[in-house]
Amino acid sequence: MNTSEYLEQLRSGVKMDFSDFTNLIDQEYEFLNVAFTNSGLVNSKEENQGTAKVFCFGLMYSLSESETLRCFGEHYHSVIDETENHNSHLNIRSFMSNGWKGVLINQSALKPK
């Protein structure tokens, strides 16, 4: 799936898989690990790089907060469906609460090949 196809599916509301996102990034983009902050959650360039890729991609394509969350695929849905463990996927939870206003990241870490 290329970027145009991915964005079309994402914007149509189709349930996405995180592996579709990571495969797209691996095939069509160069990514340099980057530190970022998500509403007080400080992430080094050695951790949570899947989230960093989602945020860079979301900024690159001006995705809405809901579109960005859907890029996380099954991880986002597990947070929605979870009733007991509220400590998993803290970056997703933080983004759900605070959206783009809480994200500080160097978007240039992601570039088309």
N, C-alpha and C. Protein backbone atom coordinates (compact mmCIF):
# COMPACT_ATOMS: atom_id res chain seq x y z
N MET A 1 0.86 -1.17 0.00
CA MET A 1 0.00 0.00 0.00
C MET A 1 0.90 1.23 0.00
N ASN A 2 0.61 2.20 -0.87
CA ASN A 2 1.38 3.44 -0.89
C ASN A 2 0.71 4.50 -0.01
N THR A 3 1.35 5.65 0.09
CA THR A 3 0.85 6.70 0.98
C THR A 3 -0.55 7.16 0.59
N SER A 4 -0.80 7.36 -0.68
CA SER A 4 -2.13 7.82 -1.12
C SER A 4 -3.21 6.81 -0.75
N GLU A 5 -2.93 5.54 -0.97
CA GLU A 5 -3.90 4.49 -0.62
C GLU A 5 -4.11 4.42 0.89
N TYR A 6 -3.02 4.54 1.64
CA TYR A 6 -3.13 4.50 3.09
C TYR A 6 -3.98 5.66 3.59
N LEU A 7 -3.70 6.86 3.11
CA LEU A 7 -4.46 8.03 3.55
C LEU A 7 -5.93 7.92 3.17
N GLU A 8 -6.20 7.38 1.99
CA GLU A 8 -7.58 7.20 1.56
C GLU A 8 -8.32 6.26 2.51
N GLN A 9 -7.70 5.14 2.84
CA GLN A 9 -8.33 4.20 3.77
C GLN A 9 -8.48 4.81 5.16
N LEU A 10 -7.43 5.49 5.61
CA LEU A 10 -7.46 6.11 6.94
C LEU A 10 -8.60 7.11 7.04
N ARG A 11 -8.73 7.96 6.04
CA ARG A 11 -9.75 9.02 6.06
C ARG A 11 -11.15 8.49 5.83
N SER A 12 -11.26 7.27 5.31
CA SER A 12 -12.59 6.68 5.11
C SER A 12 -13.13 6.06 6.40
N GLY A 13 -12.27 5.96 7.41
CA GLY A 13 -12.71 5.39 8.68
C GLY A 13 -12.50 3.90 8.81
N VAL A 14 -11.87 3.29 7.81
CA VAL A 14 -11.58 1.85 7.86
C VAL A 14 -10.69 1.57 9.06
N LYS A 15 -10.94 0.48 9.75
CA LYS A 15 -10.11 0.07 10.88
C LYS A 15 -8.72 -0.30 10.36
N MET A 16 -7.70 0.36 10.87
CA MET A 16 -6.34 0.19 10.37
C MET A 16 -5.55 -0.74 11.29
N ASP A 17 -4.53 -1.39 10.73
CA ASP A 17 -3.58 -2.19 11.50
C ASP A 17 -2.29 -1.39 11.63
N PHE A 18 -1.67 -1.46 12.80
CA PHE A 18 -0.41 -0.74 13.01
C PHE A 18 0.66 -1.25 12.06
N SER A 19 0.62 -2.54 11.72
CA SER A 19 1.61 -3.09 10.79
C SER A 19 1.49 -2.46 9.40
N ASP A 20 0.28 -2.08 8.98
CA ASP A 20 0.13 -1.38 7.71
C ASP A 20 0.87 -0.05 7.75
N PHE A 21 0.76 0.63 8.89
CA PHE A 21 1.46 1.91 9.05
C PHE A 21 2.97 1.71 9.03
N THR A 22 3.47 0.78 9.83
CA THR A 22 4.92 0.59 9.91
C THR A 22 5.49 0.10 8.58
N ASN A 23 4.76 -0.74 7.86
CA ASN A 23 5.21 -1.18 6.54
C ASN A 23 5.29 -0.01 5.58
N LEU A 24 4.30 0.87 5.62
CA LEU A 24 4.31 2.06 4.77
C LEU A 24 5.53 2.92 5.07
N ILE A 25 5.79 3.17 6.33
CA ILE A 25 6.93 4.01 6.71
C ILE A 25 8.23 3.37 6.24
N ASP A 26 8.38 2.07 6.45
CA ASP A 26 9.60 1.37 6.03
C ASP A 26 9.79 1.42 4.52
N GLN A 27 8.71 1.34 3.76
CA GLN A 27 8.80 1.29 2.30
C GLN A 27 9.01 2.66 1.67
N GLU A 28 8.37 3.69 2.21
CA GLU A 28 8.33 4.97 1.50
C GLU A 28 9.04 6.14 2.18
N TYR A 29 9.57 5.92 3.38
CA TYR A 29 10.14 7.03 4.14
C TYR A 29 11.47 6.67 4.77
N GLU A 30 12.26 7.70 5.01
CA GLU A 30 13.46 7.59 5.83
C GLU A 30 13.10 8.20 7.17
N PHE A 31 13.51 7.54 8.24
CA PHE A 31 13.20 8.02 9.58
C PHE A 31 14.45 8.00 10.43
N LEU A 32 14.70 9.11 11.10
CA LEU A 32 15.79 9.21 12.07
C LEU A 32 15.17 9.25 13.46
N ASN A 33 15.62 8.38 14.34
CA ASN A 33 15.08 8.37 15.70
C ASN A 33 15.14 9.77 16.29
N VAL A 34 14.08 10.12 17.01
CA VAL A 34 13.95 11.48 17.52
C VAL A 34 13.31 11.44 18.91
N ALA A 35 13.80 12.31 19.78
CA ALA A 35 13.17 12.49 21.09
C ALA A 35 11.93 13.35 20.89
N PHE A 36 10.93 13.16 21.75
CA PHE A 36 9.73 13.98 21.66
C PHE A 36 9.04 14.03 23.01
N THR A 37 8.18 15.02 23.15
CA THR A 37 7.39 15.19 24.36
C THR A 37 5.92 15.14 23.97
N ASN A 38 5.15 14.45 24.77
CA ASN A 38 3.72 14.30 24.53
C ASN A 38 3.01 14.65 25.84
N SER A 39 2.63 15.90 25.97
CA SER A 39 1.92 16.38 27.17
C SER A 39 2.61 15.96 28.46
N GLY A 40 3.89 16.24 28.54
CA GLY A 40 4.64 15.94 29.75
C GLY A 40 5.33 14.59 29.75
N LEU A 41 4.95 13.70 28.85
CA LEU A 41 5.65 12.42 28.72
C LEU A 41 6.88 12.64 27.85
N VAL A 42 8.05 12.53 28.44
CA VAL A 42 9.29 12.75 27.70
C VAL A 42 9.77 11.40 27.18
N ASN A 43 9.98 11.32 25.87
CA ASN A 43 10.40 10.09 25.21
C ASN A 43 11.76 10.32 24.57
N SER A 44 12.75 9.52 24.94
CA SER A 44 14.08 9.66 24.35
C SER A 44 14.06 9.09 22.93
N LYS A 45 15.15 9.32 22.21
CA LYS A 45 15.21 8.80 20.84
C LYS A 45 15.44 7.30 20.80
N GLU A 46 15.58 6.68 21.97
CA GLU A 46 15.72 5.23 22.06
C GLU A 46 14.41 4.53 22.42
N GLU A 47 13.33 5.26 22.59
CA GLU A 47 12.07 4.63 23.01
C GLU A 47 10.88 5.19 22.26
N ASN A 48 9.87 4.38 22.13
CA ASN A 48 8.58 4.78 21.56
C ASN A 48 8.70 5.42 20.17
N GLN A 49 9.55 4.85 19.34
CA GLN A 49 9.75 5.42 18.02
C GLN A 49 8.59 5.13 17.07
N GLY A 50 7.78 4.13 17.37
CA GLY A 50 6.55 3.93 16.60
C GLY A 50 5.63 5.13 16.77
N THR A 51 5.52 5.61 17.99
CA THR A 51 4.72 6.79 18.26
C THR A 51 5.32 8.01 17.57
N ALA A 52 6.64 8.13 17.62
CA ALA A 52 7.30 9.26 16.95
C ALA A 52 6.99 9.25 15.45
N LYS A 53 7.00 8.07 14.84
CA LYS A 53 6.69 7.97 13.42
C LYS A 53 5.25 8.40 13.15
N VAL A 54 4.33 7.95 13.99
CA VAL A 54 2.93 8.34 13.82
C VAL A 54 2.79 9.86 13.92
N PHE A 55 3.41 10.47 14.92
CA PHE A 55 3.29 11.91 15.09
C PHE A 55 3.92 12.67 13.91
N CYS A 56 5.09 12.25 13.47
CA CYS A 56 5.72 12.91 12.31
C CYS A 56 4.85 12.78 11.07
N PHE A 57 4.31 11.60 10.84
CA PHE A 57 3.44 11.36 9.69
C PHE A 57 2.17 12.21 9.81
N GLY A 58 1.59 12.24 10.99
CA GLY A 58 0.39 13.03 11.21
C GLY A 58 0.61 14.50 10.93
N LEU A 59 1.74 15.02 11.37
CA LEU A 59 2.06 16.42 11.09
C LEU A 59 2.33 16.65 9.61
N MET A 60 3.05 15.73 8.99
CA MET A 60 3.38 15.85 7.58
C MET A 60 2.12 15.95 6.71
N TYR A 61 1.10 15.18 7.06
CA TYR A 61 -0.12 15.13 6.25
C TYR A 61 -1.31 15.83 6.91
N SER A 62 -1.03 16.65 7.91
CA SER A 62 -2.08 17.45 8.58
C SER A 62 -3.26 16.58 9.00
N LEU A 63 -2.96 15.45 9.61
CA LEU A 63 -4.03 14.55 10.05
C LEU A 63 -4.74 15.14 11.26
N SER A 64 -6.02 14.88 11.34
CA SER A 64 -6.78 15.25 12.53
C SER A 64 -6.31 14.37 13.69
N GLU A 65 -6.73 14.71 14.87
CA GLU A 65 -6.37 13.89 16.03
C GLU A 65 -6.95 12.49 15.91
N SER A 66 -8.19 12.37 15.45
CA SER A 66 -8.79 11.03 15.32
C SER A 66 -8.10 10.22 14.23
N GLU A 67 -7.72 10.85 13.13
CA GLU A 67 -6.99 10.13 12.08
C GLU A 67 -5.64 9.67 12.59
N THR A 68 -4.98 10.53 13.34
CA THR A 68 -3.67 10.18 13.90
C THR A 68 -3.80 8.99 14.85
N LEU A 69 -4.80 9.01 15.70
CA LEU A 69 -5.02 7.89 16.62
C LEU A 69 -5.27 6.59 15.87
N ARG A 70 -6.00 6.65 14.76
CA ARG A 70 -6.28 5.44 14.00
C ARG A 70 -5.02 4.84 13.38
N CYS A 71 -3.97 5.65 13.19
CA CYS A 71 -2.69 5.11 12.69
C CYS A 71 -2.10 4.08 13.66
N PHE A 72 -2.43 4.20 14.94
CA PHE A 72 -1.93 3.25 15.93
C PHE A 72 -2.63 1.89 15.84
N GLY A 73 -3.67 1.81 15.03
CA GLY A 73 -4.36 0.55 14.77
C GLY A 73 -4.85 -0.15 16.01
N GLU A 74 -4.48 -1.42 16.13
CA GLU A 74 -4.97 -2.25 17.23
C GLU A 74 -4.52 -1.73 18.60
N HIS A 75 -3.43 -0.99 18.66
CA HIS A 75 -2.98 -0.44 19.95
C HIS A 75 -3.97 0.62 20.45
N TYR A 76 -4.44 1.45 19.54
CA TYR A 76 -5.46 2.45 19.88
C TYR A 76 -6.76 1.76 20.32
N HIS A 77 -7.16 0.75 19.58
CA HIS A 77 -8.40 0.05 19.91
C HIS A 77 -8.30 -0.69 21.24
N SER A 78 -7.11 -1.18 21.58
CA SER A 78 -6.95 -1.86 22.87
C SER A 78 -7.11 -0.86 24.02
N VAL A 79 -6.69 0.38 23.81
CA VAL A 79 -6.87 1.41 24.84
C VAL A 79 -8.36 1.72 25.00
N ILE A 80 -9.06 1.84 23.89
CA ILE A 80 -10.50 2.13 23.93
C ILE A 80 -11.25 1.00 24.63
N ASP A 81 -10.88 -0.23 24.32
CA ASP A 81 -11.58 -1.39 24.86
C ASP A 81 -11.18 -1.76 26.28
N GLU A 82 -10.07 -1.22 26.75
CA GLU A 82 -9.52 -1.59 28.05
C GLU A 82 -10.37 -1.05 29.19
N THR A 83 -10.63 -1.88 30.15
CA THR A 83 -11.42 -1.44 31.30
C THR A 83 -10.63 -1.44 32.60
N GLU A 84 -9.47 -2.12 32.63
CA GLU A 84 -8.75 -2.24 33.89
C GLU A 84 -7.36 -1.62 33.89
N ASN A 85 -6.51 -1.94 32.93
CA ASN A 85 -5.12 -1.49 32.94
C ASN A 85 -5.00 -0.13 32.26
N HIS A 86 -5.03 0.91 33.04
CA HIS A 86 -4.97 2.25 32.47
C HIS A 86 -3.54 2.79 32.42
N ASN A 87 -2.56 1.89 32.51
CA ASN A 87 -1.16 2.30 32.45
C ASN A 87 -0.49 1.89 31.15
N SER A 88 -1.21 1.23 30.27
CA SER A 88 -0.61 0.82 29.00
C SER A 88 -0.79 1.93 27.96
N HIS A 89 0.12 1.95 27.01
CA HIS A 89 0.05 2.88 25.88
C HIS A 89 -0.15 4.33 26.35
N LEU A 90 0.75 4.77 27.22
CA LEU A 90 0.59 6.11 27.81
C LEU A 90 0.64 7.22 26.77
N ASN A 91 1.44 7.06 25.70
CA ASN A 91 1.48 8.10 24.68
C ASN A 91 0.14 8.20 23.94
N ILE A 92 -0.49 7.08 23.69
CA ILE A 92 -1.81 7.11 23.05
C ILE A 92 -2.82 7.77 23.98
N ARG A 93 -2.81 7.37 25.25
CA ARG A 93 -3.74 7.95 26.22
C ARG A 93 -3.55 9.46 26.35
N SER A 94 -2.29 9.88 26.40
CA SER A 94 -2.01 11.30 26.53
C SER A 94 -2.49 12.07 25.30
N PHE A 95 -2.26 11.49 24.11
CA PHE A 95 -2.71 12.15 22.88
C PHE A 95 -4.23 12.19 22.82
N MET A 96 -4.88 11.15 23.31
CA MET A 96 -6.35 11.15 23.34
C MET A 96 -6.86 12.30 24.21
N SER A 97 -6.16 12.61 25.28
CA SER A 97 -6.59 13.66 26.20
C SER A 97 -6.21 15.06 25.75
N ASN A 98 -5.03 15.19 25.15
CA ASN A 98 -4.48 16.52 24.89
C ASN A 98 -4.28 16.86 23.42
N GLY A 99 -4.30 15.88 22.55
CA GLY A 99 -4.19 16.13 21.12
C GLY A 99 -2.86 16.74 20.72
N TRP A 100 -2.91 17.41 19.58
CA TRP A 100 -1.70 17.99 19.00
C TRP A 100 -1.08 19.07 19.88
N LYS A 101 -1.89 19.75 20.67
CA LYS A 101 -1.34 20.85 21.48
C LYS A 101 -0.30 20.36 22.48
N GLY A 102 -0.30 19.07 22.81
CA GLY A 102 0.67 18.54 23.75
C GLY A 102 1.93 17.95 23.13
N VAL A 103 2.00 17.90 21.80
CA VAL A 103 3.10 17.22 21.12
C VAL A 103 4.19 18.20 20.70
N LEU A 104 5.41 17.90 21.11
CA LEU A 104 6.59 18.64 20.67
C LEU A 104 7.54 17.63 20.04
N ILE A 105 7.73 17.75 18.72
CA ILE A 105 8.57 16.78 18.01
C ILE A 105 9.17 17.46 16.78
N ASN A 106 10.37 17.03 16.41
CA ASN A 106 11.01 17.53 15.19
C ASN A 106 10.46 16.72 14.02
N GLN A 107 9.50 17.31 13.35
CA GLN A 107 8.80 16.63 12.26
C GLN A 107 9.74 16.23 11.13
N SER A 108 10.87 16.90 10.99
CA SER A 108 11.78 16.59 9.88
C SER A 108 12.50 15.26 10.06
N ALA A 109 12.22 14.54 11.14
CA ALA A 109 12.80 13.21 11.34
C ALA A 109 12.27 12.21 10.31
N LEU A 110 11.15 12.52 9.68
CA LEU A 110 10.52 11.65 8.68
C LEU A 110 10.54 12.35 7.33
N LYS A 111 11.14 11.68 6.34
CA LYS A 111 11.23 12.27 5.00
C LYS A 111 10.91 11.20 3.96
N PRO A 112 10.21 11.58 2.89
CA PRO A 112 9.98 10.62 1.81
C PRO A 112 11.31 10.17 1.20
N LYS A 113 11.36 8.90 0.77
CA LYS A 113 12.58 8.38 0.12
C LYS A 113 12.73 8.98 -1.25
